């Protein structure tokens, strides 16, 4: 039996597309980086 959520694949895709410009800007600014696993990680903010 598969237990799903009310969000479909298209909802997830739409939300990812909405966030993409912010992710790209954060990567260019050096605020976040992408690991070898493909996930985003917050970089050190120099505290």
N, C-alpha and C. Protein backbone atom coordinates (compact mmCIF):
# COMPACT_ATOMS: atom_id res chain seq x y z
N UNK A 1 0.83 -1.17 0.00
CA UNK A 1 0.00 0.00 0.00
C UNK A 1 0.88 1.24 0.00
N UNK A 2 0.51 2.22 -0.78
CA UNK A 2 1.26 3.46 -0.89
C UNK A 2 0.49 4.58 -0.20
N UNK A 3 1.16 5.26 0.71
CA UNK A 3 0.53 6.40 1.39
C UNK A 3 1.15 7.67 0.83
N UNK A 4 0.39 8.46 0.14
CA UNK A 4 0.89 9.68 -0.46
C UNK A 4 0.37 10.91 0.26
N UNK A 5 0.75 12.05 -0.27
CA UNK A 5 0.28 13.31 0.28
C UNK A 5 -0.65 13.96 -0.73
N UNK A 6 -1.21 15.08 -0.35
CA UNK A 6 -2.11 15.76 -1.26
C UNK A 6 -1.35 16.53 -2.34
N UNK A 7 -0.02 16.63 -2.19
CA UNK A 7 0.79 17.30 -3.20
C UNK A 7 1.19 16.30 -4.27
N UNK A 8 0.93 16.63 -5.51
CA UNK A 8 1.33 15.77 -6.60
C UNK A 8 2.70 16.14 -7.11
N UNK A 9 3.18 15.39 -8.06
CA UNK A 9 4.49 15.68 -8.64
C UNK A 9 4.52 17.06 -9.29
N UNK A 10 3.43 17.46 -9.91
CA UNK A 10 3.42 18.77 -10.57
C UNK A 10 3.49 19.89 -9.55
N UNK A 11 2.89 19.70 -8.36
CA UNK A 11 2.98 20.71 -7.31
C UNK A 11 4.43 20.88 -6.86
N UNK A 12 5.11 19.78 -6.67
CA UNK A 12 6.51 19.82 -6.25
C UNK A 12 7.34 20.51 -7.32
N UNK A 13 7.12 20.16 -8.56
CA UNK A 13 7.87 20.75 -9.67
C UNK A 13 7.63 22.26 -9.73
N UNK A 14 6.39 22.68 -9.54
CA UNK A 14 6.06 24.10 -9.57
C UNK A 14 6.74 24.85 -8.43
N UNK A 15 6.75 24.26 -7.24
CA UNK A 15 7.39 24.91 -6.10
C UNK A 15 8.90 25.01 -6.30
N UNK A 16 9.49 23.99 -6.90
CA UNK A 16 10.93 24.03 -7.17
C UNK A 16 11.26 25.11 -8.19
N UNK A 17 10.42 25.24 -9.21
CA UNK A 17 10.63 26.28 -10.22
C UNK A 17 10.51 27.67 -9.62
N UNK A 18 9.60 27.84 -8.67
CA UNK A 18 9.42 29.14 -8.02
C UNK A 18 10.65 29.53 -7.20
N UNK A 19 11.30 28.55 -6.59
CA UNK A 19 12.47 28.82 -5.73
C UNK A 19 13.77 28.94 -6.52
N UNK A 20 13.81 28.47 -7.74
CA UNK A 20 15.06 28.40 -8.49
C UNK A 20 15.80 29.74 -8.58
N UNK A 21 15.13 30.86 -8.91
CA UNK A 21 15.87 32.13 -8.97
C UNK A 21 16.55 32.50 -7.64
N UNK A 22 15.90 32.21 -6.51
CA UNK A 22 16.49 32.50 -5.21
C UNK A 22 17.68 31.60 -4.94
N UNK A 23 17.58 30.35 -5.33
CA UNK A 23 18.68 29.40 -5.14
C UNK A 23 19.88 29.82 -5.98
N UNK A 24 19.65 30.19 -7.22
CA UNK A 24 20.74 30.62 -8.10
C UNK A 24 21.42 31.86 -7.53
N UNK A 25 20.63 32.83 -7.06
CA UNK A 25 21.19 34.05 -6.48
C UNK A 25 22.01 33.74 -5.23
N UNK A 26 21.53 32.84 -4.39
CA UNK A 26 22.25 32.47 -3.16
C UNK A 26 23.56 31.76 -3.50
N UNK A 27 23.53 30.92 -4.53
CA UNK A 27 24.76 30.24 -4.93
C UNK A 27 25.78 31.22 -5.49
N UNK A 28 25.33 32.18 -6.29
CA UNK A 28 26.24 33.19 -6.84
C UNK A 28 26.83 34.07 -5.75
N UNK A 29 26.02 34.36 -4.71
CA UNK A 29 26.48 35.19 -3.60
C UNK A 29 27.39 34.42 -2.65
N UNK A 30 27.42 33.11 -2.78
CA UNK A 30 28.25 32.29 -1.91
C UNK A 30 27.59 31.95 -0.58
N UNK A 31 26.30 32.25 -0.45
CA UNK A 31 25.57 31.97 0.78
C UNK A 31 25.32 30.48 0.95
N UNK A 32 25.06 29.78 -0.14
CA UNK A 32 24.86 28.34 -0.11
C UNK A 32 25.75 27.70 -1.16
N UNK A 33 26.02 26.44 -0.97
CA UNK A 33 26.79 25.67 -1.93
C UNK A 33 26.12 24.32 -2.11
N UNK A 34 26.48 23.65 -3.18
CA UNK A 34 25.91 22.34 -3.47
C UNK A 34 26.94 21.27 -3.19
N UNK A 35 26.54 20.27 -2.40
CA UNK A 35 27.43 19.17 -2.06
C UNK A 35 27.48 18.14 -3.16
N UNK A 36 28.37 17.17 -3.00
CA UNK A 36 28.50 16.11 -4.00
C UNK A 36 27.25 15.23 -4.04
N UNK A 37 26.40 15.35 -3.02
CA UNK A 37 25.15 14.60 -2.99
C UNK A 37 24.01 15.35 -3.68
N UNK A 38 24.30 16.55 -4.18
CA UNK A 38 23.29 17.34 -4.89
C UNK A 38 22.43 18.20 -3.99
N UNK A 39 22.65 18.15 -2.69
CA UNK A 39 21.88 18.96 -1.76
C UNK A 39 22.54 20.31 -1.53
N UNK A 40 21.75 21.30 -1.15
CA UNK A 40 22.27 22.63 -0.85
C UNK A 40 22.67 22.71 0.61
N UNK A 41 23.79 23.35 0.88
CA UNK A 41 24.28 23.52 2.23
C UNK A 41 24.61 24.99 2.48
N UNK A 42 24.27 25.48 3.66
CA UNK A 42 24.59 26.84 4.04
C UNK A 42 26.08 26.90 4.30
N UNK A 43 26.72 27.89 3.69
CA UNK A 43 28.16 28.05 3.90
C UNK A 43 28.38 28.87 5.14
N UNK A 44 29.58 28.83 5.65
CA UNK A 44 29.95 29.59 6.84
C UNK A 44 29.70 31.08 6.59
N UNK A 45 29.11 31.74 7.56
CA UNK A 45 28.83 33.16 7.41
C UNK A 45 29.84 34.04 8.13
N UNK A 46 30.93 33.42 8.58
CA UNK A 46 32.04 34.16 9.16
C UNK A 46 31.83 34.69 10.56
N UNK A 47 31.16 33.95 11.39
CA UNK A 47 30.97 34.39 12.78
C UNK A 47 32.21 34.24 13.55
